[in-house]
């Protein structure tokens, strides 16, 4: 960690937003780190916390756009968050990411870049860890406006179900009209995992592609995306369109887990945002 940063307890509103319910944020120790930004370039709040629910610790990061008439694009590299310029966060909406951890630390040097400006921030990050549960569940919630200026509220959840150190199946819960890219599964679990997703998609009417972010995405700022999330340019990515359930695997996994990037694209494959999700480690 890079020193100690003291942040006064800031009174921010943590009510439900259309794209992200912030009720319960900072509900347990340790104390959250958070802060406001209010200037001519942007008006938003950021926050990072670790909360405990049923003996499981969760890292919870968010950005709330408090601007009344201006959408927000932002990059919070150490939180794994990039809100794309093609689908900025609408006014009065929030972007949040939750994923399970068992060991964590606080990095006090975690700047947020918005436009040409930089906001100093801090963030909780995972360190060496063990699974505390047989279900590993990660969630991203946000909102964006389409070409008709219609507000689209989205929630994406990735679930891994484990029994006796065997990964039984995976579930992707997402809207029908967006693409969810899960990076690193071929490298972290096994190279053949894409075929498991393909088999599930055939029976459920979903769509799956295994390719690179560079070849698949319509990202006008792709190099900035790779700078924020370098693994997106190194890992292969399974892109899923529409929800997929009961992706049967039967893989031996260890008691440990790691983080990997998730990317969310609209129907035109333009970036909505990035975050982290938790993945069990293969033990074969």
Protein backbone atom coordinates (compact mmCIF):
# COMPACT_ATOMS: atom_id res chain seq x y z
CA UNK A 1 0.00 0.00 0.00
CA UNK A 2 1.19 3.54 -0.73
CA UNK A 3 0.94 5.26 2.61
CA UNK A 4 -2.14 6.15 4.55
CA UNK A 5 -4.83 8.51 3.35
CA UNK A 6 -7.35 9.82 5.89
CA UNK A 7 -10.76 10.57 4.42
CA UNK A 8 -13.35 12.32 6.56
CA UNK A 9 -16.77 10.75 6.75
CA UNK A 10 -18.60 12.39 3.87
CA UNK A 11 -22.35 12.64 3.82
CA UNK A 12 -23.37 11.27 0.43
CA UNK A 13 -26.72 9.98 -0.64
CA UNK A 14 -26.80 6.19 -0.92
CA UNK A 15 -30.35 5.66 -2.12
CA UNK A 16 -31.48 3.41 -4.94
CA UNK A 17 -30.64 4.57 -8.44
CA UNK A 18 -32.21 3.04 -11.53
CA UNK A 19 -29.00 1.29 -12.49
CA UNK A 20 -27.54 0.54 -9.07
CA UNK A 21 -29.03 0.17 -5.60
CA UNK A 22 -26.64 1.79 -3.12
CA UNK A 23 -28.74 1.10 -0.05
CA UNK A 24 -26.58 -0.82 2.41
CA UNK A 25 -23.29 0.61 1.17
CA UNK A 26 -20.80 0.77 4.06
CA UNK A 27 -23.06 -1.43 6.17
CA UNK A 28 -20.20 -3.22 7.96
CA UNK A 29 -16.54 -2.65 8.85
CA UNK A 30 -14.13 -1.59 7.42
CA UNK A 31 -15.17 1.97 6.75
CA UNK A 32 -15.73 2.95 3.15
CA UNK A 33 -13.58 5.46 1.31
CA UNK A 34 -15.57 7.91 -0.78
CA UNK A 35 -15.69 11.47 -1.98
CA UNK A 36 -17.45 14.10 -4.09
CA UNK A 37 -16.31 15.88 -7.26
CA UNK A 38 -18.03 19.11 -8.25
CA UNK A 39 -16.49 21.38 -10.86
CA UNK A 40 -17.05 22.62 -14.40
CA UNK A 41 -15.77 19.32 -15.84
CA UNK A 42 -17.92 16.92 -13.85
CA UNK A 43 -20.15 16.40 -10.86
CA UNK A 44 -20.04 12.90 -9.40
CA UNK A 45 -19.38 10.81 -6.32
CA UNK A 46 -17.11 7.80 -6.01
CA UNK A 47 -16.89 5.16 -3.33
CA UNK A 48 -15.12 1.92 -2.46
CA UNK A 49 -15.96 -0.43 0.40
CA UNK A 50 -15.73 -3.95 1.76
CA UNK A 51 -18.98 -5.22 3.27
CA UNK A 52 -19.64 -8.61 4.87
CA UNK A 53 -22.81 -10.59 4.25
CA UNK A 54 -23.30 -14.15 5.59
CA UNK A 55 -19.57 -14.40 6.41
CA UNK A 56 -18.62 -13.47 2.83
CA UNK A 57 -16.71 -10.22 2.20
CA UNK A 58 -17.56 -8.23 -0.92
CA UNK A 59 -15.68 -5.39 -2.57
CA UNK A 60 -18.13 -2.75 -3.71
CA UNK A 61 -17.08 0.13 -5.99
CA UNK A 62 -19.36 2.80 -7.43
CA UNK A 63 -19.49 6.04 -9.39
CA UNK A 64 -22.65 8.19 -9.25
CA UNK A 65 -23.18 10.90 -11.87
CA UNK A 66 -24.74 13.81 -9.97
CA UNK A 67 -24.75 16.13 -12.98
CA UNK A 68 -28.21 17.37 -13.89
CA UNK A 69 -27.67 17.59 -17.64
CA UNK A 70 -24.30 16.07 -18.50
CA UNK A 71 -23.41 12.40 -19.04
CA UNK A 72 -20.17 11.06 -17.58
CA UNK A 73 -17.33 8.99 -19.02
CA UNK A 74 -14.68 7.98 -16.53
CA UNK A 75 -11.80 5.58 -15.97
CA UNK A 76 -10.99 4.22 -12.51
CA UNK A 77 -8.17 1.89 -13.42
CA UNK A 78 -7.46 0.27 -10.06
CA UNK A 79 -11.16 -0.44 -9.57
CA UNK A 80 -11.24 -2.03 -13.03
CA UNK A 81 -13.93 0.45 -14.11
CA UNK A 82 -14.06 2.16 -17.47
CA UNK A 83 -17.31 3.88 -18.52
CA UNK A 84 -17.15 4.14 -22.30
CA UNK A 85 -17.40 7.41 -24.19
CA UNK A 86 -19.91 5.83 -26.61
CA UNK A 87 -22.26 4.97 -23.73
CA UNK A 88 -21.56 7.45 -20.93
CA UNK A 89 -23.34 7.26 -17.58
CA UNK A 90 -26.53 9.38 -17.78
CA UNK A 91 -27.25 12.16 -15.27
CA UNK A 92 -28.42 10.96 -11.84
CA UNK A 93 -27.44 7.34 -12.55
CA UNK A 94 -24.84 5.08 -10.94
CA UNK A 95 -22.30 2.46 -12.03
CA UNK A 96 -21.38 -0.17 -9.46
CA UNK A 97 -19.49 -3.43 -9.26
CA UNK A 98 -19.54 -6.07 -6.49
CA UNK A 99 -17.43 -9.20 -6.27
CA UNK A 100 -16.49 -11.59 -3.43
CA UNK A 101 -13.10 -11.60 -1.70
CA UNK A 102 -11.61 -13.12 1.42
CA UNK A 103 -8.47 -10.99 1.77
CA UNK A 104 -8.25 -7.35 0.79
CA UNK A 105 -6.23 -4.18 1.20
CA UNK A 106 -6.70 -0.47 0.56
CA UNK A 107 -4.73 1.37 -2.12
CA UNK A 108 -4.67 5.11 -1.43
CA UNK A 109 -3.32 5.98 -4.88
CA UNK A 110 -6.20 5.09 -7.23
CA UNK A 111 -6.97 8.12 -9.42
CA UNK A 112 -10.14 8.53 -11.47
CA UNK A 113 -9.72 10.16 -14.89
CA UNK A 114 -12.69 12.01 -16.39
CA UNK A 115 -12.18 14.00 -19.56
CA UNK A 116 -8.90 15.87 -19.18
CA UNK A 117 -9.16 15.89 -15.39
CA UNK A 118 -7.89 13.55 -12.68
CA UNK A 119 -9.47 13.00 -9.27
CA UNK A 120 -7.40 11.44 -6.49
CA UNK A 121 -9.22 8.49 -4.93
CA UNK A 122 -8.62 5.31 -2.94
CA UNK A 123 -9.90 1.80 -3.56
CA UNK A 124 -10.20 -1.56 -1.85
CA UNK A 125 -8.51 -4.36 -3.82
CA UNK A 126 -8.30 -8.11 -3.47
CA UNK A 127 -5.08 -9.80 -2.35
CA UNK A 128 -4.33 -13.50 -1.80
CA UNK A 129 -7.58 -15.23 -1.09
CA UNK A 130 -9.61 -18.33 -0.38
CA UNK A 131 -13.21 -19.08 -1.20
CA UNK A 132 -15.62 -18.55 1.68
CA UNK A 133 -18.59 -20.04 -0.14
CA UNK A 134 -19.51 -22.69 -2.71
CA UNK A 135 -21.23 -20.02 -4.79
CA UNK A 136 -19.09 -17.27 -6.32
CA UNK A 137 -21.32 -14.44 -7.50
CA UNK A 138 -20.23 -11.12 -9.10
CA UNK A 139 -22.50 -8.29 -10.23
CA UNK A 140 -22.27 -5.17 -12.38
CA UNK A 141 -25.14 -2.68 -12.44
CA UNK A 142 -25.39 0.48 -14.52
CA UNK A 143 -27.50 2.44 -16.97
CA UNK A 144 -26.99 4.01 -20.39
CA UNK A 145 -28.98 5.84 -23.06
CA UNK A 146 -29.47 4.36 -26.53
CA UNK A 147 -29.65 6.27 -29.82
CA UNK A 148 -33.26 7.27 -29.09
CA UNK A 149 -32.20 8.68 -25.69
CA UNK A 150 -34.10 5.89 -23.97
CA UNK A 151 -32.72 5.00 -20.55
CA UNK A 152 -31.60 1.36 -20.38
CA UNK A 153 -31.03 -0.10 -16.93
CA UNK A 154 -28.86 -3.21 -16.91
CA UNK A 155 -27.70 -5.73 -14.35
CA UNK A 156 -25.21 -8.51 -15.10
CA UNK A 157 -24.50 -11.35 -12.67
CA UNK A 158 -21.97 -14.18 -13.08
CA UNK A 159 -22.47 -17.20 -10.81
CA UNK A 160 -20.12 -20.16 -10.32
CA UNK A 161 -21.64 -23.13 -8.44
CA UNK A 162 -19.19 -25.45 -6.67
CA UNK A 163 -19.70 -28.70 -4.75
CA UNK A 164 -16.90 -30.71 -3.06
CA UNK A 165 -14.29 -28.65 -4.95
CA UNK A 166 -15.94 -29.46 -8.28
CA UNK A 167 -17.17 -26.55 -10.37
CA UNK A 168 -20.56 -27.87 -11.45
CA UNK A 169 -21.94 -25.09 -13.60
CA UNK A 170 -21.86 -21.42 -14.49
CA UNK A 171 -24.73 -18.99 -14.96
CA UNK A 172 -24.74 -15.66 -16.81
CA UNK A 173 -27.72 -13.45 -15.98
CA UNK A 174 -27.93 -10.52 -18.38
CA UNK A 175 -30.34 -8.66 -20.71
CA UNK A 176 -31.11 -10.10 -24.13
CA UNK A 177 -29.75 -7.19 -26.16
CA UNK A 178 -26.26 -6.62 -24.75
CA UNK A 179 -22.98 -8.51 -25.01
CA UNK A 180 -21.17 -9.66 -21.89
CA UNK A 181 -17.50 -10.51 -22.35
CA UNK A 182 -15.92 -12.87 -19.79
CA UNK A 183 -12.16 -12.68 -20.13
CA UNK A 184 -9.63 -15.27 -19.10
CA UNK A 185 -11.87 -18.30 -18.58
CA UNK A 186 -9.92 -20.34 -21.13
CA UNK A 187 -6.65 -19.42 -19.39
CA UNK A 188 -7.86 -19.67 -15.76
CA UNK A 189 -10.07 -22.77 -16.05
CA UNK A 190 -9.52 -24.74 -19.26
CA UNK A 191 -9.12 -24.03 -22.99
CA UNK A 192 -12.21 -26.09 -23.90
CA UNK A 193 -14.56 -24.04 -21.75
CA UNK A 194 -15.84 -22.05 -24.73
CA UNK A 195 -17.42 -25.21 -26.13
CA UNK A 196 -19.34 -25.65 -22.86
CA UNK A 197 -20.78 -22.16 -23.31
CA UNK A 198 -21.55 -22.88 -26.98
CA UNK A 199 -23.41 -26.09 -26.09
CA UNK A 200 -25.48 -24.24 -23.50
CA UNK A 201 -26.25 -21.42 -25.92
CA UNK A 202 -27.53 -23.83 -28.57
CA UNK A 203 -30.18 -25.13 -26.21
CA UNK A 204 -31.17 -21.75 -24.80
CA UNK A 205 -31.24 -19.52 -27.84
CA UNK A 206 -28.29 -17.42 -26.74
CA UNK A 207 -25.23 -16.42 -28.72
CA UNK A 208 -21.59 -17.11 -27.86
CA UNK A 209 -18.31 -16.16 -29.52
CA UNK A 210 -14.71 -16.85 -28.45
CA UNK A 211 -12.44 -14.15 -29.80
CA UNK A 212 -10.33 -11.16 -28.81
CA UNK A 213 -11.66 -7.81 -27.66
CA UNK A 214 -9.77 -6.13 -30.49
CA UNK A 215 -11.52 -8.26 -33.13
CA UNK A 216 -15.00 -8.16 -31.58
CA UNK A 217 -15.63 -4.78 -30.00
CA UNK A 218 -16.54 -1.53 -31.73
CA UNK A 219 -14.46 0.59 -29.36
CA UNK A 220 -13.31 3.96 -30.70
CA UNK A 221 -10.91 4.32 -27.76
CA UNK A 222 -9.61 0.78 -27.70
CA UNK A 223 -6.04 1.65 -26.74
CA UNK A 224 -7.28 3.61 -23.73
CA UNK A 225 -9.40 0.59 -22.78
CA UNK A 226 -6.33 -1.66 -22.96
CA UNK A 227 -4.36 0.83 -20.91
CA UNK A 228 -7.05 0.67 -18.23
CA UNK A 229 -7.49 -3.13 -18.39
CA UNK A 230 -4.33 -4.67 -19.91
CA UNK A 231 -5.68 -8.22 -19.56
CA UNK A 232 -8.37 -7.45 -22.14
CA UNK A 233 -5.60 -7.35 -24.74
CA UNK A 234 -3.98 -10.57 -23.46
CA UNK A 235 -6.82 -12.93 -22.61
CA UNK A 236 -9.26 -14.54 -25.00
CA UNK A 237 -12.85 -13.52 -24.24
CA UNK A 238 -16.10 -15.45 -24.29
CA UNK A 239 -18.79 -13.03 -25.49
CA UNK A 240 -22.33 -13.98 -24.47
CA UNK A 241 -25.50 -12.33 -25.78
CA UNK A 242 -28.53 -13.02 -23.65
CA UNK A 243 -28.76 -15.01 -20.40
CA UNK A 244 -27.28 -18.50 -20.16
CA UNK A 245 -28.07 -20.96 -17.37
CA UNK A 246 -26.84 -24.41 -16.38
CA UNK A 247 -23.54 -24.33 -18.25
CA UNK A 248 -22.32 -27.74 -17.05
CA UNK A 249 -18.57 -28.06 -16.45
CA UNK A 250 -17.55 -30.68 -13.81
CA UNK A 251 -14.11 -29.11 -13.28
CA UNK A 252 -11.88 -29.63 -10.22
CA UNK A 253 -11.14 -26.27 -8.58
CA UNK A 254 -9.01 -25.21 -5.64
CA UNK A 255 -10.07 -23.28 -2.55
CA UNK A 256 -8.63 -20.12 -4.13
CA UNK A 257 -10.08 -17.63 -6.58
CA UNK A 258 -8.86 -14.73 -8.65
CA UNK A 259 -10.20 -11.67 -10.49
CA UNK A 260 -10.63 -11.24 -14.22
CA UNK A 261 -12.10 -8.41 -16.30
CA UNK A 262 -15.70 -8.38 -17.49
CA UNK A 263 -16.72 -6.12 -20.36
CA UNK A 264 -20.25 -5.00 -21.29
CA UNK A 265 -21.12 -3.88 -24.83
CA UNK A 266 -24.33 -2.59 -26.38
CA UNK A 267 -26.03 -4.26 -29.36
CA UNK A 268 -23.69 -2.36 -31.71
CA UNK A 269 -20.73 -3.74 -29.71
CA UNK A 270 -19.83 -0.33 -28.31
CA UNK A 271 -18.40 -0.19 -24.82
CA UNK A 272 -20.78 0.42 -21.92
CA UNK A 273 -18.31 -0.42 -19.17
CA UNK A 274 -15.77 -2.75 -17.60
CA UNK A 275 -15.43 -4.23 -14.12
CA UNK A 276 -14.03 -7.28 -12.31
CA UNK A 277 -15.61 -10.65 -11.59
CA UNK A 278 -14.33 -13.49 -9.42
CA UNK A 279 -13.28 -16.85 -10.87
CA UNK A 280 -12.32 -20.10 -9.06
CA UNK A 281 -8.88 -21.49 -9.87
CA UNK A 282 -8.57 -24.76 -11.77
CA UNK A 283 -7.01 -27.60 -9.76
CA UNK A 284 -6.51 -30.22 -12.48
